[in-house]
């Protein structure tokens, strides 16, 4: 029996085209909670991203797995996982950034985010993310001890120096010019496991929805994995069910396919 659902945000709950949660999905999420099914976000974004954009239109969730599992809290904001990147690895990132002054990066914290600089690549990526760029900060902010996810805006050909300088970290890519780097014991699957422990959930009681590379560990963990129709082939190969794309109401379709909501 499915007791909890974990949703990616961009490309799953929210379309890159419309930029906001749809009316139908807003109603479906409320209906799930009325039926006693817990709902969670599991996103690479930080809570401040969701607040700044308003993309969720006031939808409430039982818990939040954010920053790819590095900061997790319940619906009231009480944390049950809190894991910034260790200072040794951030020193490595700092040295690479100093040696490559043309590269910009996002520093994601709990409650605050900063950019090391704003340039053309940053503007392009933030247009894609339908989010206003964060303020620029001194490079020394990398050494503040408050960075939960380090996001250099680099292509695959440019990423190697960062990966070599941060050996105790793992990484995932969400865009040809966007790389998420997080602690080695991180990832959406780790955040979901923390939520399972917090709420007493078993694997066969959870369903996860996603479309991107960073969703793959979560989909492997879930008892039931749903890939969006707009997902890439590797994501779809992990899925128990491939639903329609985000712009075709894929989440709502899957909820009814599995009988979690009555036919619309």
C-alpha atoms as a PDB file:
ATOM      1  CA  UNK A   1       0.000   0.000   0.000  1.00  0.00           C
ATOM      2  CA  UNK A   2       1.382   3.400  -1.001  1.00  0.00           C
ATOM      3  CA  UNK A   3       1.526   5.742   1.993  1.00  0.00           C
ATOM      4  CA  UNK A   4       3.862   8.498   0.724  1.00  0.00           C
ATOM      5  CA  UNK A   5       4.793  10.157  -2.549  1.00  0.00           C
ATOM      6  CA  UNK A   6       8.070  11.933  -3.320  1.00  0.00           C
ATOM      7  CA  UNK A   7       8.008  14.455  -6.163  1.00  0.00           C
ATOM      8  CA  UNK A   8      10.803  16.124  -8.052  1.00  0.00           C
ATOM      9  CA  UNK A   9       9.879  19.716  -8.933  1.00  0.00           C
ATOM     10  CA  UNK A  10      11.351  21.015 -12.216  1.00  0.00           C
ATOM     11  CA  UNK A  11      10.215  18.911 -15.149  1.00  0.00           C
ATOM     12  CA  UNK A  12       7.948  16.812 -12.908  1.00  0.00           C
ATOM     13  CA  UNK A  13       5.547  18.934 -10.865  1.00  0.00           C
ATOM     14  CA  UNK A  14       6.370  22.184 -12.651  1.00  0.00           C
ATOM     15  CA  UNK A  15       6.789  22.662 -16.381  1.00  0.00           C
ATOM     16  CA  UNK A  16       9.739  24.609 -17.751  1.00  0.00           C
ATOM     17  CA  UNK A  17       7.218  26.139 -20.152  1.00  0.00           C
ATOM     18  CA  UNK A  18       4.452  27.294 -17.783  1.00  0.00           C
ATOM     19  CA  UNK A  19       6.766  27.792 -14.738  1.00  0.00           C
ATOM     20  CA  UNK A  20       4.068  27.203 -12.120  1.00  0.00           C
ATOM     21  CA  UNK A  21       2.110  24.332 -10.610  1.00  0.00           C
ATOM     22  CA  UNK A  22      -1.096  23.791 -12.602  1.00  0.00           C
ATOM     23  CA  UNK A  23      -4.597  24.184 -11.151  1.00  0.00           C
ATOM     24  CA  UNK A  24      -5.279  20.482 -11.663  1.00  0.00           C
ATOM     25  CA  UNK A  25      -2.133  19.348  -9.914  1.00  0.00           C
ATOM     26  CA  UNK A  26      -2.686  21.786  -7.055  1.00  0.00           C
ATOM     27  CA  UNK A  27      -6.090  20.165  -6.491  1.00  0.00           C
ATOM     28  CA  UNK A  28      -4.668  16.646  -6.817  1.00  0.00           C
ATOM     29  CA  UNK A  29      -1.991  17.277  -4.187  1.00  0.00           C
ATOM     30  CA  UNK A  30      -4.614  18.544  -1.755  1.00  0.00           C
ATOM     31  CA  UNK A  31      -6.808  15.507  -2.506  1.00  0.00           C
ATOM     32  CA  UNK A  32      -3.930  13.120  -1.770  1.00  0.00           C
ATOM     33  CA  UNK A  33      -3.372  14.637   1.650  1.00  0.00           C
ATOM     34  CA  UNK A  34      -7.102  14.498   2.370  1.00  0.00           C
ATOM     35  CA  UNK A  35      -6.906  10.755   1.655  1.00  0.00           C
ATOM     36  CA  UNK A  36      -4.099  10.386   4.195  1.00  0.00           C
ATOM     37  CA  UNK A  37      -1.314   9.941   1.673  1.00  0.00           C
ATOM     38  CA  UNK A  38       1.767  11.916   2.670  1.00  0.00           C
ATOM     39  CA  UNK A  39       3.362  14.143   0.045  1.00  0.00           C
ATOM     40  CA  UNK A  40       7.001  15.219  -0.064  1.00  0.00           C
ATOM     41  CA  UNK A  41       9.104  17.346  -2.338  1.00  0.00           C
ATOM     42  CA  UNK A  42      12.467  15.931  -3.380  1.00  0.00           C
ATOM     43  CA  UNK A  43      14.303  18.604  -5.291  1.00  0.00           C
ATOM     44  CA  UNK A  44      17.731  19.918  -6.166  1.00  0.00           C
ATOM     45  CA  UNK A  45      16.470  23.377  -5.310  1.00  0.00           C
ATOM     46  CA  UNK A  46      16.721  25.015  -1.907  1.00  0.00           C
ATOM     47  CA  UNK A  47      13.650  26.176  -0.001  1.00  0.00           C
ATOM     48  CA  UNK A  48      14.524  29.780  -0.803  1.00  0.00           C
ATOM     49  CA  UNK A  49      14.300  29.005  -4.535  1.00  0.00           C
ATOM     50  CA  UNK A  50      10.767  27.717  -4.137  1.00  0.00           C
ATOM     51  CA  UNK A  51       9.769  30.735  -2.083  1.00  0.00           C
ATOM     52  CA  UNK A  52      11.310  33.266  -4.476  1.00  0.00           C
ATOM     53  CA  UNK A  53       9.634  31.839  -7.561  1.00  0.00           C
ATOM     54  CA  UNK A  54       6.227  31.104  -6.059  1.00  0.00           C
ATOM     55  CA  UNK A  55       6.144  28.163  -8.469  1.00  0.00           C
ATOM     56  CA  UNK A  56       4.274  25.899  -6.030  1.00  0.00           C
ATOM     57  CA  UNK A  57       1.444  28.407  -5.576  1.00  0.00           C
ATOM     58  CA  UNK A  58       1.070  27.812  -1.862  1.00  0.00           C
ATOM     59  CA  UNK A  59       0.870  24.012  -2.043  1.00  0.00           C
ATOM     60  CA  UNK A  60       1.698  22.390   1.277  1.00  0.00           C
ATOM     61  CA  UNK A  61       3.709  19.198   1.752  1.00  0.00           C
ATOM     62  CA  UNK A  62       4.335  16.902   4.692  1.00  0.00           C
ATOM     63  CA  UNK A  63       8.081  17.214   4.218  1.00  0.00           C
ATOM     64  CA  UNK A  64      10.815  18.683   2.062  1.00  0.00           C
ATOM     65  CA  UNK A  65      13.917  16.910   0.770  1.00  0.00           C
ATOM     66  CA  UNK A  66      15.867  19.855  -0.634  1.00  0.00           C
ATOM     67  CA  UNK A  67      19.279  20.664  -2.089  1.00  0.00           C
ATOM     68  CA  UNK A  68      19.494  17.080  -3.399  1.00  0.00           C
ATOM     69  CA  UNK A  69      19.002  15.638   0.082  1.00  0.00           C
ATOM     70  CA  UNK A  70      21.372  17.922   1.975  1.00  0.00           C
ATOM     71  CA  UNK A  71      18.686  19.757   3.930  1.00  0.00           C
ATOM     72  CA  UNK A  72      15.446  18.003   4.853  1.00  0.00           C
ATOM     73  CA  UNK A  73      12.653  19.235   7.068  1.00  0.00           C
ATOM     74  CA  UNK A  74       9.058  18.496   7.961  1.00  0.00           C
ATOM     75  CA  UNK A  75       6.117  20.594   6.872  1.00  0.00           C
ATOM     76  CA  UNK A  76       6.697  22.994   9.763  1.00  0.00           C
ATOM     77  CA  UNK A  77      10.340  23.533   8.841  1.00  0.00           C
ATOM     78  CA  UNK A  78      11.818  21.334  11.600  1.00  0.00           C
ATOM     79  CA  UNK A  79      14.987  19.726  10.170  1.00  0.00           C
ATOM     80  CA  UNK A  80      15.640  15.993  10.172  1.00  0.00           C
ATOM     81  CA  UNK A  81      18.764  16.109   7.965  1.00  0.00           C
ATOM     82  CA  UNK A  82      21.267  18.970   7.784  1.00  0.00           C
ATOM     83  CA  UNK A  83      24.549  18.315   5.937  1.00  0.00           C
ATOM     84  CA  UNK A  84      26.760  21.058   4.422  1.00  0.00           C
ATOM     85  CA  UNK A  85      29.891  20.294   2.398  1.00  0.00           C
ATOM     86  CA  UNK A  86      32.992  19.945   4.575  1.00  0.00           C
ATOM     87  CA  UNK A  87      35.492  22.796   4.561  1.00  0.00           C
ATOM     88  CA  UNK A  88      38.349  20.729   3.096  1.00  0.00           C
ATOM     89  CA  UNK A  89      36.435  20.130  -0.119  1.00  0.00           C
ATOM     90  CA  UNK A  90      35.268  23.733  -0.292  1.00  0.00           C
ATOM     91  CA  UNK A  91      38.903  24.864  -0.048  1.00  0.00           C
ATOM     92  CA  UNK A  92      39.563  22.767  -3.150  1.00  0.00           C
ATOM     93  CA  UNK A  93      36.663  24.449  -4.959  1.00  0.00           C
ATOM     94  CA  UNK A  94      37.955  27.843  -3.868  1.00  0.00           C
ATOM     95  CA  UNK A  95      41.374  27.192  -5.405  1.00  0.00           C
ATOM     96  CA  UNK A  96      39.845  26.092  -8.719  1.00  0.00           C
ATOM     97  CA  UNK A  97      37.634  29.164  -8.819  1.00  0.00           C
ATOM     98  CA  UNK A  98      40.598  31.441  -8.140  1.00  0.00           C
ATOM     99  CA  UNK A  99      42.505  29.824 -11.022  1.00  0.00           C
ATOM    100  CA  UNK A 100      39.510  30.237 -13.371  1.00  0.00           C
ATOM    101  CA  UNK A 101      38.122  33.738 -12.796  1.00  0.00           C
ATOM    102  CA  UNK A 102      35.756  33.507 -15.768  1.00  0.00           C
ATOM    103  CA  UNK A 103      33.730  30.707 -14.188  1.00  0.00           C
ATOM    104  CA  UNK A 104      30.719  31.477 -12.030  1.00  0.00           C
ATOM    105  CA  UNK A 105      29.149  29.217  -9.424  1.00  0.00           C
ATOM    106  CA  UNK A 106      26.087  29.069  -7.211  1.00  0.00           C
ATOM    107  CA  UNK A 107      26.555  28.453  -3.496  1.00  0.00           C
ATOM    108  CA  UNK A 108      23.399  26.952  -2.009  1.00  0.00           C
ATOM    109  CA  UNK A 109      22.888  27.303   1.708  1.00  0.00           C
ATOM    110  CA  UNK A 110      20.049  26.711   4.130  1.00  0.00           C
ATOM    111  CA  UNK A 111      17.984  29.877   3.759  1.00  0.00           C
ATOM    112  CA  UNK A 112      20.488  31.776   1.617  1.00  0.00           C
ATOM    113  CA  UNK A 113      22.136  31.325  -1.764  1.00  0.00           C
ATOM    114  CA  UNK A 114      24.819  33.364  -3.501  1.00  0.00           C
ATOM    115  CA  UNK A 115      26.525  33.606  -6.885  1.00  0.00           C
ATOM    116  CA  UNK A 116      30.236  34.197  -7.222  1.00  0.00           C
ATOM    117  CA  UNK A 117      29.557  36.515 -10.163  1.00  0.00           C
ATOM    118  CA  UNK A 118      26.832  37.228 -12.706  1.00  0.00           C
ATOM    119  CA  UNK A 119      27.800  36.750 -16.346  1.00  0.00           C
ATOM    120  CA  UNK A 120      26.197  35.664 -19.608  1.00  0.00           C
ATOM    121  CA  UNK A 121      26.149  31.986 -18.716  1.00  0.00           C
ATOM    122  CA  UNK A 122      24.485  32.748 -15.377  1.00  0.00           C
ATOM    123  CA  UNK A 123      21.786  34.804 -17.082  1.00  0.00           C
ATOM    124  CA  UNK A 124      21.133  32.028 -19.595  1.00  0.00           C
ATOM    125  CA  UNK A 125      20.807  29.372 -16.911  1.00  0.00           C
ATOM    126  CA  UNK A 126      18.587  31.446 -14.654  1.00  0.00           C
ATOM    127  CA  UNK A 127      16.284  32.141 -17.573  1.00  0.00           C
ATOM    128  CA  UNK A 128      16.059  28.353 -18.002  1.00  0.00           C
ATOM    129  CA  UNK A 129      15.349  27.973 -14.262  1.00  0.00           C
ATOM    130  CA  UNK A 130      12.742  30.777 -14.360  1.00  0.00           C
ATOM    131  CA  UNK A 131      14.377  32.265 -11.262  1.00  0.00           C
ATOM    132  CA  UNK A 132      15.947  35.667 -10.638  1.00  0.00           C
ATOM    133  CA  UNK A 133      19.731  35.395 -10.147  1.00  0.00           C
ATOM    134  CA  UNK A 134      20.931  35.576  -6.568  1.00  0.00           C
ATOM    135  CA  UNK A 135      23.250  38.415  -5.510  1.00  0.00           C
ATOM    136  CA  UNK A 136      26.966  38.087  -6.148  1.00  0.00           C
ATOM    137  CA  UNK A 137      29.255  37.556  -3.168  1.00  0.00           C
ATOM    138  CA  UNK A 138      33.018  37.537  -2.553  1.00  0.00           C
ATOM    139  CA  UNK A 139      34.702  34.297  -3.522  1.00  0.00           C
ATOM    140  CA  UNK A 140      35.726  33.820   0.115  1.00  0.00           C
ATOM    141  CA  UNK A 141      32.093  32.903   0.877  1.00  0.00           C
ATOM    142  CA  UNK A 142      33.038  29.407  -0.318  1.00  0.00           C
ATOM    143  CA  UNK A 143      34.964  29.071   2.944  1.00  0.00           C
ATOM    144  CA  UNK A 144      32.100  30.146   5.211  1.00  0.00           C
ATOM    145  CA  UNK A 145      31.090  26.596   6.129  1.00  0.00           C
ATOM    146  CA  UNK A 146      27.517  27.233   5.009  1.00  0.00           C
ATOM    147  CA  UNK A 147      27.548  25.670   1.524  1.00  0.00           C
ATOM    148  CA  UNK A 148      25.263  22.650   1.158  1.00  0.00           C
ATOM    149  CA  UNK A 149      25.605  22.340  -2.595  1.00  0.00           C
ATOM    150  CA  UNK A 150      28.242  23.836  -4.881  1.00  0.00           C
ATOM    151  CA  UNK A 151      27.051  24.433  -8.442  1.00  0.00           C
ATOM    152  CA  UNK A 152      29.730  25.532 -10.912  1.00  0.00           C
ATOM    153  CA  UNK A 153      28.263  26.560 -14.240  1.00  0.00           C
ATOM    154  CA  UNK A 154      30.515  24.403 -16.388  1.00  0.00           C
ATOM    155  CA  UNK A 155      30.200  22.020 -19.317  1.00  0.00           C
ATOM    156  CA  UNK A 156      31.228  18.355 -19.002  1.00  0.00           C
ATOM    157  CA  UNK A 157      34.535  19.284 -20.660  1.00  0.00           C
ATOM    158  CA  UNK A 158      35.175  21.911 -17.956  1.00  0.00           C
ATOM    159  CA  UNK A 159      34.163  19.948 -14.857  1.00  0.00           C
ATOM    160  CA  UNK A 160      37.225  17.770 -14.177  1.00  0.00           C
ATOM    161  CA  UNK A 161      39.246  20.311 -12.106  1.00  0.00           C
ATOM    162  CA  UNK A 162      36.334  20.680  -9.677  1.00  0.00           C
ATOM    163  CA  UNK A 163      35.804  16.946  -9.322  1.00  0.00           C
ATOM    164  CA  UNK A 164      39.506  16.394  -8.687  1.00  0.00           C
ATOM    165  CA  UNK A 165      39.593  19.194  -6.101  1.00  0.00           C
ATOM    166  CA  UNK A 166      36.561  17.844  -4.196  1.00  0.00           C
ATOM    167  CA  UNK A 167      37.366  14.119  -3.827  1.00  0.00           C
ATOM    168  CA  UNK A 168      34.955  13.448  -0.968  1.00  0.00           C
ATOM    169  CA  UNK A 169      31.972  14.727  -2.925  1.00  0.00           C
ATOM    170  CA  UNK A 170      29.563  13.279  -5.460  1.00  0.00           C
ATOM    171  CA  UNK A 171      28.015  15.085  -8.397  1.00  0.00           C
ATOM    172  CA  UNK A 172      25.067  15.056 -10.751  1.00  0.00           C
ATOM    173  CA  UNK A 173      24.252  17.116 -13.827  1.00  0.00           C
ATOM    174  CA  UNK A 174      20.957  18.914 -14.413  1.00  0.00           C
ATOM    175  CA  UNK A 175      21.910  20.966 -17.484  1.00  0.00           C
ATOM    176  CA  UNK A 176      24.722  20.927 -20.085  1.00  0.00           C
ATOM    177  CA  UNK A 177      26.185  23.894 -18.179  1.00  0.00           C
ATOM    178  CA  UNK A 178      25.016  23.032 -14.658  1.00  0.00           C
ATOM    179  CA  UNK A 179      26.767  20.641 -12.258  1.00  0.00           C
ATOM    180  CA  UNK A 180      25.570  19.924  -8.705  1.00  0.00           C
ATOM    181  CA  UNK A 181      28.355  18.916  -6.287  1.00  0.00           C
ATOM    182  CA  UNK A 182      27.396  17.677  -2.808  1.00  0.00           C
ATOM    183  CA  UNK A 183      28.866  15.653   0.077  1.00  0.00           C
ATOM    184  CA  UNK A 184      29.763  12.057  -0.679  1.00  0.00           C
ATOM    185  CA  UNK A 185      27.034  10.792   1.631  1.00  0.00           C
ATOM    186  CA  UNK A 186      24.381  12.916  -0.074  1.00  0.00           C
ATOM    187  CA  UNK A 187      21.838  12.588  -2.846  1.00  0.00           C
ATOM    188  CA  UNK A 188      18.082  12.496  -3.128  1.00  0.00           C
ATOM    189  CA  UNK A 189      18.032   8.843  -2.084  1.00  0.00           C
ATOM    190  CA  UNK A 190      19.743   9.702   1.200  1.00  0.00           C
ATOM    191  CA  UNK A 191      17.253  12.486   1.838  1.00  0.00           C
ATOM    192  CA  UNK A 192      14.341  10.175   1.064  1.00  0.00           C
ATOM    193  CA  UNK A 193      15.798   7.557   3.427  1.00  0.00           C
ATOM    194  CA  UNK A 194      15.955  10.216   6.153  1.00  0.00           C
ATOM    195  CA  UNK A 195      12.291  11.009   5.534  1.00  0.00           C
ATOM    196  CA  UNK A 196      11.406   7.313   5.624  1.00  0.00           C
ATOM    197  CA  UNK A 197      13.115   6.984   8.997  1.00  0.00           C
ATOM    198  CA  UNK A 198      11.467  10.153  10.300  1.00  0.00           C
ATOM    199  CA  UNK A 199       7.962   9.014   9.283  1.00  0.00           C
ATOM    200  CA  UNK A 200       8.299   5.242   9.680  1.00  0.00           C
ATOM    201  CA  UNK A 201       7.929   4.392   5.980  1.00  0.00           C
ATOM    202  CA  UNK A 202       9.072   1.227   4.215  1.00  0.00           C
ATOM    203  CA  UNK A 203      10.338   1.094   0.616  1.00  0.00           C
ATOM    204  CA  UNK A 204       7.225  -0.666  -0.657  1.00  0.00           C
ATOM    205  CA  UNK A 205       5.119   2.137   0.844  1.00  0.00           C
ATOM    206  CA  UNK A 206       6.694   4.950  -1.171  1.00  0.00           C
ATOM    207  CA  UNK A 207       6.355   6.093  -4.768  1.00  0.00           C
ATOM    208  CA  UNK A 208       8.777   8.549  -6.391  1.00  0.00           C
ATOM    209  CA  UNK A 209       8.360  10.735  -9.482  1.00  0.00           C
ATOM    210  CA  UNK A 210      11.222  12.234 -11.494  1.00  0.00           C
ATOM    211  CA  UNK A 211      12.648  13.171 -14.848  1.00  0.00           C
ATOM    212  CA  UNK A 212      16.344  13.974 -14.404  1.00  0.00           C
ATOM    213  CA  UNK A 213      19.725  12.455 -13.670  1.00  0.00           C
ATOM    214  CA  UNK A 214      19.608  13.606 -10.054  1.00  0.00           C
ATOM    215  CA  UNK A 215      16.319  11.707  -9.603  1.00  0.00           C
ATOM    216  CA  UNK A 216      17.818   8.335 -10.517  1.00  0.00           C
ATOM    217  CA  UNK A 217      19.078   7.357  -7.016  1.00  0.00           C
ATOM    218  CA  UNK A 218      15.648   8.195  -5.594  1.00  0.00           C
ATOM    219  CA  UNK A 219      13.871   6.165  -8.275  1.00  0.00           C
ATOM    220  CA  UNK A 220      16.128   3.170  -7.586  1.00  0.00           C
ATOM    221  CA  UNK A 221      15.249   3.385  -3.890  1.00  0.00           C
ATOM    222  CA  UNK A 222      11.481   3.752  -4.210  1.00  0.00           C
ATOM    223  CA  UNK A 223       9.221   0.735  -4.130  1.00  0.00           C
ATOM    224  CA  UNK A 224       7.387   2.238  -7.110  1.00  0.00           C
ATOM    225  CA  UNK A 225       9.262   4.510  -9.531  1.00  0.00           C
ATOM    226  CA  UNK A 226       7.504   6.775 -12.015  1.00  0.00           C
ATOM    227  CA  UNK A 227       9.405   8.486 -14.831  1.00  0.00           C
ATOM    228  CA  UNK A 228       7.966  11.452 -16.650  1.00  0.00           C
ATOM    229  CA  UNK A 229       7.442  11.210 -20.394  1.00  0.00           C
ATOM    230  CA  UNK A 230       9.922  14.063 -20.829  1.00  0.00           C
ATOM    231  CA  UNK A 231      12.643  12.106 -18.964  1.00  0.00           C
ATOM    232  CA  UNK A 232      15.728  10.779 -20.701  1.00  0.00           C
ATOM    233  CA  UNK A 233      16.120   7.109 -21.590  1.00  0.00           C
ATOM    234  CA  UNK A 234      18.303   6.208 -18.552  1.00  0.00           C
ATOM    235  CA  UNK A 235      15.628   7.553 -16.194  1.00  0.00           C
ATOM    236  CA  UNK A 236      12.836   5.725 -17.995  1.00  0.00           C
ATOM    237  CA  UNK A 237      14.761   2.461 -17.819  1.00  0.00           C
ATOM    238  CA  UNK A 238      14.590   2.607 -13.998  1.00  0.00           C
ATOM    239  CA  UNK A 239      10.858   3.194 -13.891  1.00  0.00           C
ATOM    240  CA  UNK A 240       8.048   0.825 -13.030  1.00  0.00           C
ATOM    241  CA  UNK A 241       5.795   3.152 -15.005  1.00  0.00           C
ATOM    242  CA  UNK A 242       6.450   5.865 -17.589  1.00  0.00           C
ATOM    243  CA  UNK A 243       3.723   8.458 -17.535  1.00  0.00           C
ATOM    244  CA  UNK A 244       2.972  11.389 -19.841  1.00  0.00           C
ATOM    245  CA  UNK A 245       5.182  14.461 -19.947  1.00  0.00           C
ATOM    246  CA  UNK A 246       4.951  17.304 -17.480  1.00  0.00           C
ATOM    247  CA  UNK A 247       3.072  19.451 -20.018  1.00  0.00           C
ATOM    248  CA  UNK A 248       0.565  16.627 -20.605  1.00  0.00           C
ATOM    249  CA  UNK A 249      -0.350  16.188 -16.941  1.00  0.00           C
ATOM    250  CA  UNK A 250       1.904  13.198 -16.367  1.00  0.00           C
ATOM    251  CA  UNK A 251       1.788  13.255 -12.559  1.00  0.00           C
ATOM    252  CA  UNK A 252      -2.009  13.369 -12.476  1.00  0.00           C
ATOM    253  CA  UNK A 253      -2.201  10.565 -15.028  1.00  0.00           C
ATOM    254  CA  UNK A 254       0.081   8.342 -12.944  1.00  0.00           C
ATOM    255  CA  UNK A 255      -1.857   9.024  -9.734  1.00  0.00           C
ATOM    256  CA  UNK A 256      -4.989   7.697 -11.426  1.00  0.00           C
ATOM    257  CA  UNK A 257      -3.190   4.844 -13.145  1.00  0.00           C
ATOM    258  CA  UNK A 258      -2.191   3.529  -9.695  1.00  0.00           C
ATOM    259  CA  UNK A 259      -5.632   4.203  -8.200  1.00  0.00           C
ATOM    260  CA  UNK A 260      -4.395   6.793  -5.718  1.00  0.00           C
ATOM    261  CA  UNK A 261      -7.073   9.225  -6.939  1.00  0.00           C
ATOM    262  CA  UNK A 262     -10.416   8.541  -8.626  1.00  0.00           C
ATOM    263  CA  UNK A 263     -10.694   9.004 -12.409  1.00  0.00           C
ATOM    264  CA  UNK A 264     -10.992  12.659 -13.346  1.00  0.00           C
END
